[in-house]
N, C-alpha and C. Protein backbone atom coordinates (compact mmCIF):
# COMPACT_ATOMS: atom_id res chain seq x y z
N MET A 1 3.32 -9.41 -20.75
CA MET A 1 2.07 -9.70 -20.08
C MET A 1 2.09 -9.06 -18.69
N THR A 2 1.04 -8.33 -18.36
CA THR A 2 0.94 -7.66 -17.07
C THR A 2 0.47 -8.63 -16.00
N LEU A 3 1.16 -8.62 -14.88
CA LEU A 3 0.79 -9.46 -13.75
C LEU A 3 -0.48 -8.92 -13.11
N LYS A 4 -1.46 -9.77 -12.90
CA LYS A 4 -2.73 -9.39 -12.27
C LYS A 4 -2.69 -9.73 -10.79
N PRO A 5 -3.25 -8.84 -9.94
CA PRO A 5 -3.30 -9.18 -8.51
C PRO A 5 -4.24 -10.35 -8.27
N TYR A 6 -3.93 -11.16 -7.26
CA TYR A 6 -4.84 -12.26 -6.93
C TYR A 6 -5.94 -11.79 -5.98
N ARG A 7 -5.71 -10.62 -5.34
CA ARG A 7 -6.73 -10.05 -4.46
C ARG A 7 -6.48 -8.56 -4.33
N SER A 8 -7.55 -7.80 -4.13
CA SER A 8 -7.43 -6.36 -3.89
C SER A 8 -8.36 -5.99 -2.75
N THR A 9 -7.96 -4.98 -1.99
CA THR A 9 -8.83 -4.46 -0.94
C THR A 9 -9.92 -3.62 -1.59
N PRO A 10 -10.96 -3.29 -0.83
CA PRO A 10 -11.88 -2.26 -1.32
C PRO A 10 -11.12 -0.94 -1.45
N VAL A 11 -11.74 0.03 -2.10
CA VAL A 11 -11.17 1.37 -2.15
C VAL A 11 -11.50 2.06 -0.83
N PHE A 12 -10.47 2.56 -0.17
CA PHE A 12 -10.62 3.25 1.11
C PHE A 12 -10.44 4.74 0.88
N ASN A 13 -11.09 5.56 1.73
CA ASN A 13 -10.81 6.99 1.73
C ASN A 13 -10.24 7.36 3.09
N GLU A 14 -10.04 8.66 3.32
CA GLU A 14 -9.38 9.09 4.56
C GLU A 14 -10.17 8.74 5.82
N THR A 15 -11.48 8.50 5.69
CA THR A 15 -12.26 8.14 6.88
C THR A 15 -12.50 6.63 6.98
N THR A 16 -12.49 5.93 5.84
CA THR A 16 -12.75 4.48 5.89
C THR A 16 -11.48 3.63 5.95
N LEU A 17 -10.31 4.27 5.85
CA LEU A 17 -9.04 3.53 5.94
C LEU A 17 -8.97 2.85 7.31
N PRO A 18 -8.90 1.51 7.35
CA PRO A 18 -8.92 0.80 8.63
C PRO A 18 -7.74 1.15 9.54
N ALA A 19 -8.00 1.13 10.84
CA ALA A 19 -6.95 1.40 11.83
C ALA A 19 -5.78 0.43 11.66
N ALA A 20 -6.06 -0.80 11.24
CA ALA A 20 -4.99 -1.79 11.06
C ALA A 20 -3.98 -1.35 10.01
N LEU A 21 -4.42 -0.60 8.99
CA LEU A 21 -3.49 -0.14 7.96
C LEU A 21 -2.74 1.12 8.40
N ARG A 22 -3.29 1.81 9.40
CA ARG A 22 -2.67 3.03 9.92
C ARG A 22 -1.61 2.74 10.98
N SER A 23 -1.53 1.49 11.43
CA SER A 23 -0.53 1.11 12.42
C SER A 23 0.36 -0.01 11.85
N ARG A 24 1.42 -0.33 12.56
CA ARG A 24 2.40 -1.30 12.07
C ARG A 24 1.74 -2.63 11.68
N HIS A 25 2.01 -3.07 10.47
CA HIS A 25 1.57 -4.38 10.00
C HIS A 25 2.49 -4.77 8.85
N ASN A 26 2.31 -5.97 8.32
CA ASN A 26 3.13 -6.41 7.20
C ASN A 26 2.37 -7.41 6.35
N THR A 27 2.87 -7.61 5.14
CA THR A 27 2.31 -8.63 4.26
C THR A 27 2.80 -10.00 4.72
N LYS A 28 2.13 -11.02 4.24
CA LYS A 28 2.50 -12.39 4.62
C LYS A 28 3.75 -12.85 3.86
N ALA A 29 4.33 -13.93 4.30
CA ALA A 29 5.48 -14.52 3.61
C ALA A 29 5.09 -14.85 2.17
N GLY A 30 5.93 -14.48 1.22
CA GLY A 30 5.69 -14.79 -0.18
C GLY A 30 4.66 -13.90 -0.86
N ILE A 31 4.18 -12.86 -0.17
CA ILE A 31 3.15 -11.99 -0.74
C ILE A 31 3.67 -10.56 -0.86
N TRP A 32 3.53 -9.99 -2.04
CA TRP A 32 3.88 -8.60 -2.31
C TRP A 32 2.59 -7.79 -2.31
N GLY A 33 2.68 -6.54 -1.90
CA GLY A 33 1.56 -5.63 -1.97
C GLY A 33 1.94 -4.43 -2.81
N MET A 34 0.91 -3.80 -3.40
CA MET A 34 1.12 -2.58 -4.17
C MET A 34 0.04 -1.60 -3.73
N ILE A 35 0.44 -0.53 -3.07
CA ILE A 35 -0.51 0.50 -2.66
C ILE A 35 -0.74 1.41 -3.85
N ARG A 36 -1.99 1.52 -4.25
CA ARG A 36 -2.35 2.34 -5.40
C ARG A 36 -3.26 3.47 -4.93
N VAL A 37 -2.77 4.70 -5.07
CA VAL A 37 -3.54 5.88 -4.69
C VAL A 37 -4.30 6.34 -5.92
N LEU A 38 -5.62 6.44 -5.78
CA LEU A 38 -6.48 6.84 -6.89
C LEU A 38 -6.72 8.35 -6.90
N GLU A 39 -6.78 8.94 -5.70
CA GLU A 39 -6.95 10.39 -5.56
C GLU A 39 -6.20 10.84 -4.32
N GLY A 40 -5.64 12.05 -4.36
CA GLY A 40 -4.97 12.61 -3.19
C GLY A 40 -3.59 12.02 -2.97
N GLN A 41 -3.16 12.04 -1.69
CA GLN A 41 -1.83 11.55 -1.32
C GLN A 41 -1.89 10.74 -0.03
N VAL A 42 -0.97 9.79 0.05
CA VAL A 42 -0.83 8.92 1.22
C VAL A 42 0.65 8.85 1.56
N LYS A 43 0.98 8.94 2.85
CA LYS A 43 2.38 8.75 3.26
C LYS A 43 2.54 7.29 3.67
N LEU A 44 3.50 6.62 3.04
CA LEU A 44 3.85 5.24 3.35
C LEU A 44 5.13 5.26 4.15
N THR A 45 5.09 4.67 5.34
CA THR A 45 6.27 4.59 6.20
C THR A 45 6.71 3.13 6.28
N TYR A 46 7.92 2.87 5.81
CA TYR A 46 8.54 1.55 5.94
C TYR A 46 9.29 1.55 7.26
N LEU A 47 9.16 0.49 8.04
CA LEU A 47 9.85 0.40 9.32
C LEU A 47 11.16 -0.36 9.24
N GLU A 48 11.31 -1.26 8.27
CA GLU A 48 12.55 -2.04 8.10
C GLU A 48 12.83 -2.21 6.62
N PRO A 49 13.79 -1.51 6.07
CA PRO A 49 14.58 -0.44 6.67
C PRO A 49 13.75 0.84 6.75
N PRO A 50 14.04 1.72 7.71
CA PRO A 50 13.22 2.92 7.92
C PRO A 50 13.30 3.89 6.75
N SER A 51 12.13 4.29 6.24
CA SER A 51 12.04 5.33 5.21
C SER A 51 10.58 5.73 5.05
N GLU A 52 10.38 6.87 4.43
CA GLU A 52 9.03 7.37 4.16
C GLU A 52 8.96 7.80 2.71
N VAL A 53 7.78 7.65 2.12
CA VAL A 53 7.56 8.10 0.75
C VAL A 53 6.11 8.57 0.64
N VAL A 54 5.91 9.64 -0.12
CA VAL A 54 4.55 10.13 -0.38
C VAL A 54 4.09 9.53 -1.70
N LEU A 55 2.94 8.87 -1.64
CA LEU A 55 2.37 8.22 -2.81
C LEU A 55 1.22 9.07 -3.36
N ASP A 56 1.06 9.02 -4.68
CA ASP A 56 -0.08 9.65 -5.32
C ASP A 56 -0.46 8.82 -6.53
N SER A 57 -1.33 9.35 -7.39
CA SER A 57 -1.80 8.55 -8.52
C SER A 57 -0.70 8.22 -9.51
N ASP A 58 0.42 8.94 -9.46
CA ASP A 58 1.56 8.67 -10.35
C ASP A 58 2.62 7.78 -9.72
N LYS A 59 2.54 7.58 -8.40
CA LYS A 59 3.58 6.80 -7.70
C LYS A 59 2.92 5.80 -6.76
N ALA A 60 3.07 4.51 -7.09
CA ALA A 60 2.54 3.43 -6.24
C ALA A 60 3.61 3.02 -5.23
N GLY A 61 3.16 2.37 -4.16
CA GLY A 61 4.09 1.92 -3.12
C GLY A 61 4.19 0.41 -3.09
N VAL A 62 5.41 -0.11 -3.30
CA VAL A 62 5.64 -1.55 -3.30
C VAL A 62 5.91 -2.03 -1.88
N LEU A 63 5.27 -3.12 -1.51
CA LEU A 63 5.48 -3.75 -0.20
C LEU A 63 6.07 -5.13 -0.43
N ARG A 64 7.26 -5.35 0.09
CA ARG A 64 7.89 -6.67 -0.04
C ARG A 64 7.29 -7.61 1.01
N PRO A 65 7.42 -8.92 0.78
CA PRO A 65 6.88 -9.88 1.75
C PRO A 65 7.42 -9.62 3.17
N GLN A 66 6.52 -9.61 4.12
CA GLN A 66 6.82 -9.47 5.54
C GLN A 66 7.52 -8.15 5.90
N GLN A 67 7.39 -7.13 5.05
CA GLN A 67 8.01 -5.84 5.33
C GLN A 67 7.09 -4.98 6.20
N PRO A 68 7.50 -4.65 7.44
CA PRO A 68 6.65 -3.85 8.32
C PRO A 68 6.48 -2.43 7.78
N HIS A 69 5.25 -1.93 7.85
CA HIS A 69 4.94 -0.61 7.31
C HIS A 69 3.61 -0.12 7.88
N PHE A 70 3.29 1.14 7.61
CA PHE A 70 1.95 1.67 7.85
C PHE A 70 1.73 2.84 6.92
N VAL A 71 0.45 3.25 6.76
CA VAL A 71 0.11 4.35 5.87
C VAL A 71 -0.66 5.42 6.64
N GLU A 72 -0.58 6.64 6.12
CA GLU A 72 -1.26 7.77 6.73
C GLU A 72 -1.82 8.65 5.61
N PRO A 73 -3.14 8.91 5.61
CA PRO A 73 -3.70 9.81 4.60
C PRO A 73 -3.15 11.22 4.79
N LEU A 74 -2.88 11.90 3.70
CA LEU A 74 -2.46 13.31 3.73
C LEU A 74 -3.62 14.12 3.15
N GLY A 75 -4.69 14.24 3.93
CA GLY A 75 -5.89 14.93 3.46
C GLY A 75 -6.82 13.96 2.75
N PRO A 76 -7.80 14.50 2.01
CA PRO A 76 -8.74 13.63 1.29
C PRO A 76 -7.99 12.75 0.29
N MET A 77 -8.36 11.46 0.27
CA MET A 77 -7.68 10.52 -0.63
C MET A 77 -8.56 9.31 -0.87
N LYS A 78 -8.20 8.55 -1.89
CA LYS A 78 -8.78 7.23 -2.16
C LYS A 78 -7.63 6.31 -2.53
N MET A 79 -7.61 5.11 -1.96
CA MET A 79 -6.52 4.15 -2.24
C MET A 79 -7.03 2.72 -2.08
N ARG A 80 -6.28 1.80 -2.65
CA ARG A 80 -6.52 0.37 -2.44
C ARG A 80 -5.17 -0.32 -2.42
N VAL A 81 -5.17 -1.57 -1.96
CA VAL A 81 -3.95 -2.37 -1.98
C VAL A 81 -4.21 -3.60 -2.83
N ASP A 82 -3.33 -3.85 -3.80
CA ASP A 82 -3.37 -5.06 -4.63
C ASP A 82 -2.33 -6.03 -4.09
N PHE A 83 -2.68 -7.31 -4.08
CA PHE A 83 -1.77 -8.34 -3.56
C PHE A 83 -1.36 -9.31 -4.67
N TYR A 84 -0.08 -9.69 -4.65
CA TYR A 84 0.51 -10.55 -5.68
C TYR A 84 1.31 -11.67 -5.04
N ASP A 85 1.41 -12.80 -5.75
CA ASP A 85 2.25 -13.90 -5.27
C ASP A 85 3.62 -13.89 -5.94
N ARG A 86 3.90 -12.84 -6.73
CA ARG A 86 5.20 -12.60 -7.37
C ARG A 86 5.46 -11.11 -7.33
N PRO A 87 6.69 -10.65 -7.53
CA PRO A 87 6.94 -9.22 -7.51
C PRO A 87 6.11 -8.49 -8.58
N PRO A 88 5.34 -7.47 -8.18
CA PRO A 88 4.50 -6.74 -9.14
C PRO A 88 5.30 -5.73 -9.93
N GLU A 89 4.70 -5.28 -11.02
CA GLU A 89 5.28 -4.20 -11.82
C GLU A 89 4.73 -2.89 -11.28
N GLU A 90 5.58 -1.89 -11.18
CA GLU A 90 5.12 -0.58 -10.68
C GLU A 90 4.35 0.15 -11.76
């Protein structure tokens, strides 16, 4: 059985992506996030532990509870974030 998100953001593009997602932030305690890129590419930067990954429609980005991170569009893109109360499946 596939785990369903309890909430999802709207679909953002490179101009509508909120400033809050472009700067350091984190998910709440006990909440996982899954960044899903629908078109284009997004760079996900994890701050603890430090690392970067480029996401696209074939590679989603998992956010652990309270893990500091930010995202940066790499050109035209569309993405959303799904939120879960348990670890999501990639």
